[in-house]
Amino acid sequence: DAEPLADFTAPMAEQLSFVDFSKLRHFLTMERRPIEANWKICTENTMEPYHVPYVHKDTAAGQPLGLHYMVEQDPIVGCAIDIDEQPHKTARGRDICLDISARYLLLFPNFLFFIYFGEDTHINVMLNRPVAPGQTHQRRVIYQLDGARPDEDTIEKWRALTKDVIAEDRSMV
């Protein structure tokens, strides 16, 4: 008796209406060893903003908690931030950081979309899959939205940043 999948995913299609899916260009896939945490905690961590200024001091310190707002459109929940200023370098002096406008959206129960806006607007698609009560497998696939593939140096910078963000989150969950 489930509703049609297109009906269930319609709110996400609306949230992503600005994306020209014919131009999506894959540039990075990341799968790591299982996280020693319940999948619900991992999922909650990726869709709420209150941990960002504390846990991500080196990767997203320029995303102040006060600028985040909640996104609720059943079955979607998450948060977003709109930053007008240009990104600044974080404590580690990175060229690339998450101090940019973003959307962190969960399609209930465990399918996540992170959209980062800027010079190289891209979307992270992530699935939190339970392995055991205290273990979660995460698979993250990153796509460029404009159809262009970033150069290898940029891809490596995004890989390093994403790895650091995942490590910061892992230590918390």
Protein backbone atom coordinates (compact mmCIF):
# COMPACT_ATOMS: atom_id res chain seq x y z
CA ASP A 1 0.00 0.00 0.00
CA ALA A 2 3.01 2.31 -0.32
CA GLU A 3 2.47 5.56 -2.17
CA PRO A 4 4.17 5.85 -5.59
CA LEU A 5 7.89 6.62 -5.28
CA ALA A 6 7.49 9.75 -7.42
CA ASP A 7 4.95 11.10 -4.91
CA PHE A 8 7.23 10.30 -1.95
CA THR A 9 10.26 11.98 -3.58
CA ALA A 10 8.34 14.98 -4.99
CA PRO A 11 9.38 17.30 -2.11
CA MET A 12 13.06 16.49 -2.77
CA ALA A 13 12.55 17.12 -6.50
CA GLU A 14 11.10 20.50 -5.53
CA GLN A 15 14.07 21.28 -3.26
CA LEU A 16 16.44 20.35 -6.12
CA SER A 17 14.43 22.07 -8.87
CA PHE A 18 17.39 24.34 -9.71
CA VAL A 19 19.53 21.30 -10.65
CA ASP A 20 19.87 20.38 -14.32
CA PHE A 21 20.36 16.65 -13.83
CA SER A 22 21.57 16.25 -17.42
CA LYS A 23 24.66 18.30 -16.44
CA LEU A 24 25.56 16.40 -13.25
CA ARG A 25 29.17 15.25 -13.42
CA HIS A 26 30.49 12.69 -10.92
CA PHE A 27 33.89 13.58 -9.53
CA LEU A 28 34.33 11.75 -6.24
CA THR A 29 33.06 8.69 -4.37
CA MET A 30 34.01 8.07 -0.76
CA GLU A 31 33.34 4.94 1.25
CA ARG A 32 35.03 4.44 4.57
CA ARG A 33 35.21 1.70 7.14
CA PRO A 34 31.98 1.43 9.15
CA ILE A 35 31.37 4.13 11.72
CA GLU A 36 31.03 2.81 15.28
CA ALA A 37 27.67 4.49 15.84
CA ASN A 38 24.00 3.83 15.27
CA TRP A 39 22.78 4.96 11.82
CA LYS A 40 20.13 7.22 13.38
CA ILE A 41 22.81 9.21 15.24
CA CYS A 42 24.88 9.50 12.05
CA THR A 43 21.80 10.70 10.18
CA GLU A 44 20.82 13.22 12.87
CA ASN A 45 24.37 14.55 12.87
CA THR A 46 24.26 15.37 9.18
CA MET A 47 20.96 17.27 9.19
CA GLU A 48 21.19 19.49 12.28
CA PRO A 49 23.31 22.63 12.56
CA TYR A 50 24.02 22.94 16.27
CA HIS A 51 27.24 20.89 16.18
CA VAL A 52 28.85 22.74 13.24
CA PRO A 53 30.65 25.61 15.05
CA TYR A 54 31.94 23.23 17.73
CA VAL A 55 32.84 20.06 15.84
CA HIS A 56 33.91 21.60 12.51
CA LYS A 57 36.18 24.40 13.71
CA ASP A 58 38.75 23.58 11.01
CA THR A 59 36.39 22.83 8.15
CA ALA A 60 33.24 24.97 8.52
CA ALA A 61 33.98 27.55 11.20
CA GLY A 62 32.50 30.25 8.98
CA GLN A 63 29.03 28.69 9.18
CA PRO A 64 27.74 30.43 12.32
CA LEU A 65 24.95 28.63 14.13
CA GLY A 66 22.79 31.75 14.20
CA LEU A 67 22.61 31.87 10.39
CA HIS A 68 21.33 28.30 10.00
CA TYR A 69 17.63 27.70 9.55
CA MET A 70 15.57 24.55 9.45
CA VAL A 71 14.05 23.06 6.31
CA GLU A 72 10.89 20.99 6.79
CA GLN A 73 8.86 19.63 3.92
CA ASP A 74 7.63 16.15 4.79
CA PRO A 75 9.35 13.69 4.22
CA ILE A 76 12.33 16.09 4.09
CA VAL A 77 13.96 17.67 7.09
CA GLY A 78 17.29 19.40 7.39
CA CYS A 79 18.93 22.75 7.65
CA ALA A 80 20.39 25.42 5.43
CA ILE A 81 22.61 28.47 5.59
CA ASP A 82 22.96 31.45 3.28
CA ILE A 83 26.29 33.24 3.48
CA ASP A 84 26.75 36.44 1.49
CA GLU A 85 30.45 36.96 2.12
CA GLN A 86 33.19 35.20 0.23
CA PRO A 87 34.54 32.13 2.01
CA HIS A 88 37.53 32.75 4.20
CA LYS A 89 40.32 30.36 5.04
CA THR A 90 39.73 28.31 8.14
CA ALA A 91 42.17 27.70 10.97
CA ARG A 92 44.13 25.25 8.81
CA GLY A 93 44.51 27.83 6.04
CA ARG A 94 42.66 25.74 3.45
CA ASP A 95 41.93 26.94 -0.07
CA ILE A 96 38.62 25.06 0.10
CA CYS A 97 36.34 24.99 3.12
CA LEU A 98 32.63 24.71 3.87
CA ASP A 99 32.25 28.36 4.83
CA ILE A 100 29.72 28.75 2.02
CA SER A 101 25.96 28.68 1.51
CA ALA A 102 24.67 25.15 1.82
CA ARG A 103 21.64 22.90 2.18
CA TYR A 104 21.74 19.72 4.29
CA LEU A 105 18.63 17.73 3.45
CA LEU A 106 17.44 14.34 4.63
CA LEU A 107 14.95 12.33 2.62
CA PHE A 108 13.60 10.25 5.46
CA PRO A 109 14.87 7.91 6.77
CA ASN A 110 18.54 7.79 5.67
CA PHE A 111 19.16 9.37 2.23
CA LEU A 112 20.98 12.69 2.44
CA PHE A 113 21.76 15.52 0.05
CA PHE A 114 24.30 18.24 0.80
CA ILE A 115 24.38 21.09 -1.69
CA TYR A 116 27.30 23.52 -1.50
CA PHE A 117 26.94 26.77 -3.44
CA GLY A 118 29.89 28.76 -4.70
CA GLU A 119 32.35 28.85 -7.55
CA ASP A 120 32.07 25.10 -7.95
CA THR A 121 28.54 24.34 -6.78
CA HIS A 122 28.23 20.66 -6.13
CA ILE A 123 25.99 18.11 -4.47
CA ASN A 124 26.95 15.30 -2.10
CA VAL A 125 24.56 12.37 -2.08
CA MET A 126 24.99 10.13 0.96
CA LEU A 127 23.35 6.99 2.22
CA ASN A 128 23.64 5.91 5.87
CA ARG A 129 23.15 2.15 5.87
CA PRO A 130 22.87 0.27 9.18
CA VAL A 131 25.32 -2.64 9.41
CA ALA A 132 24.60 -3.55 13.05
CA PRO A 133 22.96 -1.72 15.99
CA GLY A 134 26.20 0.18 16.64
CA GLN A 135 27.65 0.32 13.12
CA THR A 136 26.84 2.44 10.09
CA HIS A 137 28.23 2.30 6.58
CA GLN A 138 28.32 5.62 4.75
CA ARG A 139 28.64 6.01 1.01
CA ARG A 140 29.08 9.52 -0.33
CA VAL A 141 29.05 10.42 -4.01
CA ILE A 142 29.86 13.98 -5.10
CA TYR A 143 28.69 15.58 -8.33
CA GLN A 144 29.54 18.89 -9.94
CA LEU A 145 26.34 20.67 -11.01
CA ASP A 146 27.60 22.57 -14.05
CA GLY A 147 28.78 19.58 -16.08
CA ALA A 148 32.46 20.44 -15.79
CA ARG A 149 34.86 18.08 -14.08
CA PRO A 150 37.07 19.86 -11.56
CA ASP A 151 40.81 19.59 -12.14
CA GLU A 152 42.67 16.88 -10.20
CA ASP A 153 44.12 19.36 -7.70
CA THR A 154 40.62 20.62 -6.82
CA ILE A 155 39.30 17.07 -6.55
CA GLU A 156 42.12 16.19 -4.14
CA LYS A 157 41.38 19.28 -2.04
CA TRP A 158 37.70 18.27 -1.83
CA ARG A 159 38.72 14.69 -0.97
CA ALA A 160 40.96 15.94 1.85
CA LEU A 161 38.30 18.33 3.16
CA THR A 162 35.58 15.68 3.04
CA LYS A 163 37.87 13.19 4.79
CA ASP A 164 38.52 15.73 7.56
CA VAL A 165 34.79 16.56 7.93
CA ILE A 166 34.00 12.84 8.20
CA ALA A 167 36.75 12.41 10.82
CA GLU A 168 35.40 15.34 12.86
CA ASP A 169 31.89 13.86 12.75
CA ARG A 170 33.15 10.35 13.53
CA SER A 171 34.85 11.54 16.69
CA MET A 172 31.55 13.00 17.86
CA VAL A 173 29.05 10.27 16.93
